[in-house]
Amino acid sequence: MRTAESKILLRAGLRECLEQHRRCGESIVLANGCFDALHVGHIRYLEGARGEGDVLVVAVNADESVRTLKGTGRPILVESGRATLVAALRCVSYVVVFAEANVESLLEDLRPDVHAKGTDYTAETVPERATAIRLGIRVAIVGDPKKHSTRELLESVCRAPHA
């Protein structure tokens, strides 16, 4: 059984692994996110993404990009911890940490068959849509309706009475 840490790869090593999977006829799915405080919405998104292919690669935002996207006080967990938590999920094949604002460069480098995004997007609003179309990558909207958020989870923790 592979450990969570063994699933976390640098981009170059990941490219090599994915080539082996392609030679075996397996399809590759790329999903991405901050995953700052793992919640049920994340699990449903990743399980839905995994259902779109044989190998699920999850790109986890680096700490600086989380700060840019989510604001001060974020991330709650450092990128290595967030990557390990995501890698520990059974549905996840590989994890890569990325620093860019979106995953366009990962789509270019890894050339997945499918780019999976959560239900907070539509096929028309996916930031990497033009790149995916140009590369012939299918975009799939997966997961349950956006009823869960890390921000709401953190706010409820802060409101909880302290012993």
Protein backbone atom coordinates (compact mmCIF):
# COMPACT_ATOMS: atom_id res chain seq x y z
CA MET A 1 0.00 0.00 0.00
CA ARG A 2 1.35 3.41 -0.98
CA THR A 3 1.75 6.05 1.69
CA ALA A 4 0.21 9.48 1.31
CA GLU A 5 3.67 11.05 1.03
CA SER A 6 4.62 8.70 -1.83
CA LYS A 7 1.70 10.08 -3.87
CA ILE A 8 3.03 13.67 -3.68
CA LEU A 9 5.28 14.34 -6.65
CA LEU A 10 7.07 17.21 -8.30
CA ARG A 11 5.85 18.13 -11.76
CA ALA A 12 8.66 16.41 -13.70
CA GLY A 13 8.30 13.12 -11.81
CA LEU A 14 4.54 13.25 -12.16
CA ARG A 15 4.82 13.69 -15.94
CA GLU A 16 6.87 10.48 -16.13
CA CYS A 17 4.36 8.53 -14.00
CA LEU A 18 1.46 9.72 -16.12
CA GLU A 19 3.23 8.60 -19.31
CA GLN A 20 3.40 5.09 -17.85
CA HIS A 21 -0.34 5.18 -17.13
CA ARG A 22 -1.06 6.38 -20.67
CA ARG A 23 1.00 3.51 -22.12
CA CYS A 24 -1.30 1.17 -20.15
CA GLY A 25 -4.34 2.81 -21.75
CA GLU A 26 -5.47 4.60 -18.60
CA SER A 27 -7.17 8.00 -18.70
CA ILE A 28 -5.93 10.89 -16.56
CA VAL A 29 -8.10 13.38 -14.67
CA LEU A 30 -6.79 16.63 -13.16
CA ALA A 31 -8.66 18.31 -10.29
CA ASN A 32 -7.42 21.25 -8.24
CA GLY A 33 -8.09 23.37 -5.19
CA CYS A 34 -6.81 24.89 -1.96
CA PHE A 35 -8.18 22.15 0.35
CA ASP A 36 -7.44 24.37 3.35
CA ALA A 37 -9.77 22.56 5.73
CA LEU A 38 -10.92 19.31 4.18
CA HIS A 39 -14.71 18.95 4.27
CA VAL A 40 -17.44 16.77 2.76
CA GLY A 41 -17.73 18.98 -0.33
CA HIS A 42 -14.07 18.34 -1.13
CA ILE A 43 -14.54 14.59 -0.75
CA ARG A 44 -17.55 14.56 -3.07
CA TYR A 45 -15.71 16.72 -5.61
CA LEU A 46 -12.66 14.45 -5.63
CA GLU A 47 -14.70 11.25 -5.76
CA GLY A 48 -16.69 12.72 -8.65
CA ALA A 49 -13.46 13.67 -10.41
CA ARG A 50 -12.08 10.16 -9.94
CA GLY A 51 -15.20 8.80 -11.57
CA GLU A 52 -14.26 10.62 -14.79
CA GLY A 53 -11.15 8.51 -15.42
CA ASP A 54 -8.66 5.93 -14.21
CA VAL A 55 -6.01 8.11 -12.54
CA LEU A 56 -6.82 11.19 -10.43
CA VAL A 57 -4.16 13.88 -10.11
CA VAL A 58 -4.98 16.63 -7.61
CA ALA A 59 -3.17 19.96 -7.87
CA VAL A 60 -3.05 21.70 -4.48
CA ASN A 61 -2.51 25.45 -4.36
CA ALA A 62 0.78 26.55 -2.77
CA ASP A 63 0.53 28.69 0.36
CA GLU A 64 1.15 32.00 -1.43
CA SER A 65 -1.55 31.36 -4.02
CA VAL A 66 -4.02 30.46 -1.23
CA ARG A 67 -3.24 33.81 0.45
CA THR A 68 -3.84 35.58 -2.85
CA LEU A 69 -7.12 33.76 -3.50
CA LYS A 70 -8.56 33.58 0.03
CA GLY A 71 -7.05 36.56 1.88
CA THR A 72 -5.22 37.12 5.13
CA GLY A 73 -5.25 34.38 7.71
CA ARG A 74 -5.25 31.68 5.03
CA PRO A 75 -4.14 29.04 4.55
CA ILE A 76 -4.90 27.43 7.89
CA LEU A 77 -2.66 24.45 7.07
CA VAL A 78 0.67 24.70 5.24
CA GLU A 79 0.84 23.28 1.72
CA SER A 80 2.72 20.13 2.75
CA GLY A 81 -0.01 19.28 5.28
CA ARG A 82 -2.82 20.01 2.81
CA ALA A 83 -1.09 17.91 0.14
CA THR A 84 -0.68 15.00 2.56
CA LEU A 85 -4.33 15.08 3.63
CA VAL A 86 -5.50 15.04 0.01
CA ALA A 87 -3.00 12.31 -0.91
CA ALA A 88 -4.34 10.13 1.94
CA LEU A 89 -7.71 9.87 0.21
CA ARG A 90 -8.24 6.53 -1.52
CA CYS A 91 -9.64 8.12 -4.68
CA VAL A 92 -6.49 10.23 -5.22
CA SER A 93 -3.66 8.76 -7.29
CA TYR A 94 -1.17 11.66 -7.19
CA VAL A 95 -0.83 15.14 -5.74
CA VAL A 96 1.23 18.03 -7.05
CA VAL A 97 1.58 21.48 -5.42
CA PHE A 98 1.35 24.46 -7.79
CA ALA A 99 2.05 28.15 -7.27
CA GLU A 100 0.30 29.69 -10.29
CA ALA A 101 -3.05 31.50 -10.16
CA ASN A 102 -4.72 28.67 -12.12
CA VAL A 103 -3.79 25.28 -13.58
CA GLU A 104 -3.31 26.29 -17.21
CA SER A 105 0.41 25.47 -17.10
CA LEU A 106 -0.35 22.09 -15.49
CA LEU A 107 -2.82 21.33 -18.28
CA GLU A 108 -0.04 22.15 -20.75
CA ASP A 109 2.57 20.07 -18.90
CA LEU A 110 0.50 17.04 -17.87
CA ARG A 111 -2.04 16.86 -20.73
CA PRO A 112 -4.79 15.09 -18.78
CA ASP A 113 -7.75 13.65 -20.63
CA VAL A 114 -10.19 15.41 -18.29
CA HIS A 115 -10.06 18.64 -16.26
CA ALA A 116 -12.54 18.32 -13.36
CA LYS A 117 -13.96 21.38 -11.61
CA GLY A 118 -16.50 21.69 -8.81
CA THR A 119 -20.11 22.75 -9.12
CA ASP A 120 -19.26 26.33 -8.22
CA TYR A 121 -18.24 26.51 -11.92
CA THR A 122 -20.07 25.91 -15.16
CA ALA A 123 -18.42 24.70 -18.34
CA GLU A 124 -18.39 28.35 -19.49
CA THR A 125 -16.84 29.82 -16.31
CA VAL A 126 -13.92 27.41 -15.81
CA PRO A 127 -10.84 29.72 -15.78
CA GLU A 128 -8.78 27.26 -17.83
CA ARG A 129 -11.54 26.59 -20.38
CA ALA A 130 -9.76 28.08 -23.42
CA THR A 131 -6.56 26.14 -22.68
CA ALA A 132 -8.50 22.91 -22.19
CA ILE A 133 -10.35 23.39 -25.48
CA ARG A 134 -7.11 24.17 -27.34
CA LEU A 135 -5.47 21.02 -25.95
CA GLY A 136 -8.50 18.78 -26.52
CA ILE A 137 -9.04 18.21 -22.79
CA ARG A 138 -12.62 17.51 -21.75
CA VAL A 139 -13.93 19.70 -18.90
CA ALA A 140 -16.19 17.93 -16.38
CA ILE A 141 -18.19 19.64 -13.64
CA VAL A 142 -18.35 17.19 -10.72
CA GLY A 143 -19.36 16.91 -7.08
CA ASP A 144 -22.45 17.92 -5.21
CA PRO A 145 -24.07 21.36 -5.30
CA LYS A 146 -21.90 24.00 -3.64
CA LYS A 147 -23.42 23.88 -0.14
CA HIS A 148 -20.12 23.54 1.72
CA SER A 149 -17.28 26.01 2.10
CA THR A 150 -14.11 26.20 4.09
CA ARG A 151 -14.93 29.80 5.00
CA GLU A 152 -18.28 28.75 6.55
CA LEU A 153 -16.60 25.84 8.36
CA LEU A 154 -13.99 28.16 9.87
CA GLU A 155 -16.64 30.71 10.86
CA SER A 156 -18.67 28.03 12.66
CA VAL A 157 -15.56 26.88 14.53
CA CYS A 158 -14.90 30.45 15.64
CA ARG A 159 -18.54 30.86 16.82
CA ALA A 160 -18.49 27.62 18.80
CA PRO A 161 -18.38 28.07 22.59
CA HIS A 162 -14.92 27.46 24.00
CA ALA A 163 -14.48 25.29 27.07
